[in-house]
Amino acid sequence: MLAALGIYGVISYSVTQRTQEIGIRMALGATMANVQLGVLVKTLRLALIGVVTGTVASLIASKAISALLFDTAPTDPITFAAIILLLGAVALLAGYIPARRASRINPMVALRNN
């Protein structure tokens, strides 16, 4: 859960920092759907990189902590899949909620805020 909160915070912050960019895109004629899709694609790309890196690191680390695991194999595919799905869903929400909020802002207001 701590990782999910961290992912949400970092992605949400990065999308919020792009409010001015989103305002420029909206002023130049981008639709709300285009803006939201662009943010989600970038968010999911970052999440995919993180999931792949984290999965490889956890597979390596699971060998070292296998003595601490009870009733679970160090490389339990169900556990890995569940965590990957959970963190992917958190990343999707973390990108979608601020992107939706930013795409509804008046472009002039977004451009004034630095």
C-alpha atoms as a PDB file:
ATOM      1  CA  MET A   1       0.000   0.000   0.000  1.00  0.00           C
ATOM      2  CA  LEU A   2       2.902   2.322   0.695  1.00  0.00           C
ATOM      3  CA  ALA A   3       4.169   1.808  -2.849  1.00  0.00           C
ATOM      4  CA  ALA A   4       0.690   2.537  -4.220  1.00  0.00           C
ATOM      5  CA  LEU A   5       0.527   5.802  -2.270  1.00  0.00           C
ATOM      6  CA  GLY A   6       3.987   6.772  -3.481  1.00  0.00           C
ATOM      7  CA  ILE A   7       3.100   6.046  -7.097  1.00  0.00           C
ATOM      8  CA  TYR A   8      -0.113   8.033  -6.814  1.00  0.00           C
ATOM      9  CA  GLY A   9       1.662  10.998  -5.244  1.00  0.00           C
ATOM     10  CA  VAL A  10       4.494  11.166  -7.761  1.00  0.00           C
ATOM     11  CA  ILE A  11       2.343  10.730 -10.858  1.00  0.00           C
ATOM     12  CA  SER A  12      -0.357  13.085  -9.615  1.00  0.00           C
ATOM     13  CA  TYR A  13       2.270  15.737  -8.854  1.00  0.00           C
ATOM     14  CA  SER A  14       3.916  15.362 -12.264  1.00  0.00           C
ATOM     15  CA  VAL A  15       0.576  15.761 -14.046  1.00  0.00           C
ATOM     16  CA  THR A  16      -0.307  18.790 -11.916  1.00  0.00           C
ATOM     17  CA  GLN A  17       3.030  20.378 -12.864  1.00  0.00           C
ATOM     18  CA  ARG A  18       2.023  20.059 -16.531  1.00  0.00           C
ATOM     19  CA  THR A  19      -1.122  22.205 -16.128  1.00  0.00           C
ATOM     20  CA  GLN A  20       0.397  25.055 -18.150  1.00  0.00           C
ATOM     21  CA  GLU A  21       1.354  22.670 -20.962  1.00  0.00           C
ATOM     22  CA  ILE A  22      -2.157  21.262 -20.941  1.00  0.00           C
ATOM     23  CA  GLY A  23      -3.546  24.812 -21.092  1.00  0.00           C
ATOM     24  CA  ILE A  24      -1.405  25.549 -24.147  1.00  0.00           C
ATOM     25  CA  ARG A  25      -2.587  22.379 -25.842  1.00  0.00           C
ATOM     26  CA  MET A  26      -6.219  23.261 -25.079  1.00  0.00           C
ATOM     27  CA  ALA A  27      -5.699  26.839 -26.370  1.00  0.00           C
ATOM     28  CA  LEU A  28      -4.282  25.452 -29.618  1.00  0.00           C
ATOM     29  CA  GLY A  29      -7.359  23.299 -30.151  1.00  0.00           C
ATOM     30  CA  ALA A  30      -6.735  19.972 -28.450  1.00  0.00           C
ATOM     31  CA  THR A  31      -9.857  18.280 -27.185  1.00  0.00           C
ATOM     32  CA  MET A  32     -10.309  17.115 -23.608  1.00  0.00           C
ATOM     33  CA  ALA A  33     -10.128  13.507 -24.806  1.00  0.00           C
ATOM     34  CA  ASN A  34      -6.821  14.122 -26.633  1.00  0.00           C
ATOM     35  CA  VAL A  35      -5.277  15.772 -23.597  1.00  0.00           C
ATOM     36  CA  GLN A  36      -6.436  13.020 -21.246  1.00  0.00           C
ATOM     37  CA  LEU A  37      -5.257  10.292 -23.607  1.00  0.00           C
ATOM     38  CA  GLY A  38      -1.838  11.916 -23.968  1.00  0.00           C
ATOM     39  CA  VAL A  39      -1.417  12.169 -20.212  1.00  0.00           C
ATOM     40  CA  LEU A  40      -2.548   8.573 -19.706  1.00  0.00           C
ATOM     41  CA  VAL A  41      -0.139   7.267 -22.343  1.00  0.00           C
ATOM     42  CA  LYS A  42       2.801   9.030 -20.669  1.00  0.00           C
ATOM     43  CA  THR A  43       1.635   7.866 -17.247  1.00  0.00           C
ATOM     44  CA  LEU A  44       1.280   4.253 -18.336  1.00  0.00           C
ATOM     45  CA  ARG A  45       4.680   4.358 -20.045  1.00  0.00           C
ATOM     46  CA  LEU A  46       6.275   5.445 -16.771  1.00  0.00           C
ATOM     47  CA  ALA A  47       4.284   2.836 -14.871  1.00  0.00           C
ATOM     48  CA  LEU A  48       5.382   0.105 -17.279  1.00  0.00           C
ATOM     49  CA  ILE A  49       9.031   1.041 -16.837  1.00  0.00           C
ATOM     50  CA  GLY A  50       8.574   0.992 -13.069  1.00  0.00           C
ATOM     51  CA  VAL A  51       6.733  -2.331 -13.069  1.00  0.00           C
ATOM     52  CA  VAL A  52       9.361  -4.030 -15.230  1.00  0.00           C
ATOM     53  CA  THR A  53      12.214  -2.646 -13.138  1.00  0.00           C
ATOM     54  CA  GLY A  54      10.456  -3.498  -9.879  1.00  0.00           C
ATOM     55  CA  THR A  55       9.568  -7.011 -11.007  1.00  0.00           C
ATOM     56  CA  VAL A  56      13.147  -7.794 -11.972  1.00  0.00           C
ATOM     57  CA  ALA A  57      14.463  -6.319  -8.713  1.00  0.00           C
ATOM     58  CA  SER A  58      11.890  -8.189  -6.626  1.00  0.00           C
ATOM     59  CA  LEU A  59      12.663 -11.488  -8.346  1.00  0.00           C
ATOM     60  CA  ILE A  60      16.315 -10.985  -7.457  1.00  0.00           C
ATOM     61  CA  ALA A  61      15.531  -9.865  -3.907  1.00  0.00           C
ATOM     62  CA  SER A  62      13.003 -12.665  -3.315  1.00  0.00           C
ATOM     63  CA  LYS A  63      15.819 -15.189  -3.246  1.00  0.00           C
ATOM     64  CA  ALA A  64      17.455 -13.278  -0.393  1.00  0.00           C
ATOM     65  CA  ILE A  65      14.289 -13.018   1.703  1.00  0.00           C
ATOM     66  CA  SER A  66      12.823 -16.447   0.945  1.00  0.00           C
ATOM     67  CA  ALA A  67      13.304 -17.514   4.577  1.00  0.00           C
ATOM     68  CA  LEU A  68      10.909 -14.750   5.689  1.00  0.00           C
ATOM     69  CA  LEU A  69       8.052 -15.850   3.400  1.00  0.00           C
ATOM     70  CA  PHE A  70       5.385 -18.111   4.874  1.00  0.00           C
ATOM     71  CA  ASP A  71       3.036 -20.182   2.682  1.00  0.00           C
ATOM     72  CA  THR A  72       4.268 -18.329  -0.397  1.00  0.00           C
ATOM     73  CA  ALA A  73       6.918 -19.285  -2.890  1.00  0.00           C
ATOM     74  CA  PRO A  74       9.585 -16.635  -3.547  1.00  0.00           C
ATOM     75  CA  THR A  75       8.448 -16.351  -7.163  1.00  0.00           C
ATOM     76  CA  ASP A  76       4.688 -16.851  -6.706  1.00  0.00           C
ATOM     77  CA  PRO A  77       3.167 -15.778 -10.051  1.00  0.00           C
ATOM     78  CA  ILE A  78      -0.260 -15.003  -8.558  1.00  0.00           C
ATOM     79  CA  THR A  79       1.246 -12.589  -6.036  1.00  0.00           C
ATOM     80  CA  PHE A  80       3.378 -10.900  -8.667  1.00  0.00           C
ATOM     81  CA  ALA A  81       0.414 -10.568 -11.042  1.00  0.00           C
ATOM     82  CA  ALA A  82      -1.834  -9.159  -8.327  1.00  0.00           C
ATOM     83  CA  ILE A  83       0.703  -6.532  -7.332  1.00  0.00           C
ATOM     84  CA  ILE A  84       1.380  -5.577 -10.947  1.00  0.00           C
ATOM     85  CA  LEU A  85      -2.361  -5.148 -11.565  1.00  0.00           C
ATOM     86  CA  LEU A  86      -2.810  -3.134  -8.374  1.00  0.00           C
ATOM     87  CA  LEU A  87       0.065  -0.775  -9.125  1.00  0.00           C
ATOM     88  CA  GLY A  88      -1.076  -0.423 -12.749  1.00  0.00           C
ATOM     89  CA  ALA A  89      -4.573   0.532 -11.616  1.00  0.00           C
ATOM     90  CA  VAL A  90      -3.170   3.051  -9.142  1.00  0.00           C
ATOM     91  CA  ALA A  91      -0.984   4.587 -11.868  1.00  0.00           C
ATOM     92  CA  LEU A  92      -3.979   4.787 -14.213  1.00  0.00           C
ATOM     93  CA  LEU A  93      -6.069   6.591 -11.600  1.00  0.00           C
ATOM     94  CA  ALA A  94      -3.151   8.803 -10.614  1.00  0.00           C
ATOM     95  CA  GLY A  95      -2.848   9.994 -14.197  1.00  0.00           C
ATOM     96  CA  TYR A  96      -6.534  10.169 -15.045  1.00  0.00           C
ATOM     97  CA  ILE A  97      -7.851  12.192 -12.112  1.00  0.00           C
ATOM     98  CA  PRO A  98      -5.444  15.170 -12.437  1.00  0.00           C
ATOM     99  CA  ALA A  99      -5.588  15.006 -16.262  1.00  0.00           C
ATOM    100  CA  ARG A 100      -9.366  15.248 -16.154  1.00  0.00           C
ATOM    101  CA  ARG A 101      -9.187  18.135 -13.709  1.00  0.00           C
ATOM    102  CA  ALA A 102      -6.536  19.964 -15.771  1.00  0.00           C
ATOM    103  CA  SER A 103      -8.356  19.440 -19.067  1.00  0.00           C
ATOM    104  CA  ARG A 104     -11.478  21.108 -17.646  1.00  0.00           C
ATOM    105  CA  ILE A 105      -9.590  24.278 -16.723  1.00  0.00           C
ATOM    106  CA  ASN A 106     -10.096  27.328 -18.877  1.00  0.00           C
ATOM    107  CA  PRO A 107      -6.932  27.584 -21.049  1.00  0.00           C
ATOM    108  CA  MET A 108      -6.433  31.247 -20.119  1.00  0.00           C
ATOM    109  CA  VAL A 109      -6.432  30.398 -16.406  1.00  0.00           C
ATOM    110  CA  ALA A 110      -3.922  27.595 -16.965  1.00  0.00           C
ATOM    111  CA  LEU A 111      -1.651  29.902 -18.972  1.00  0.00           C
ATOM    112  CA  ARG A 112      -1.700  32.593 -16.258  1.00  0.00           C
ATOM    113  CA  ASN A 113      -0.661  30.150 -13.510  1.00  0.00           C
ATOM    114  CA  ASN A 114       3.099  29.621 -13.495  1.00  0.00           C
END
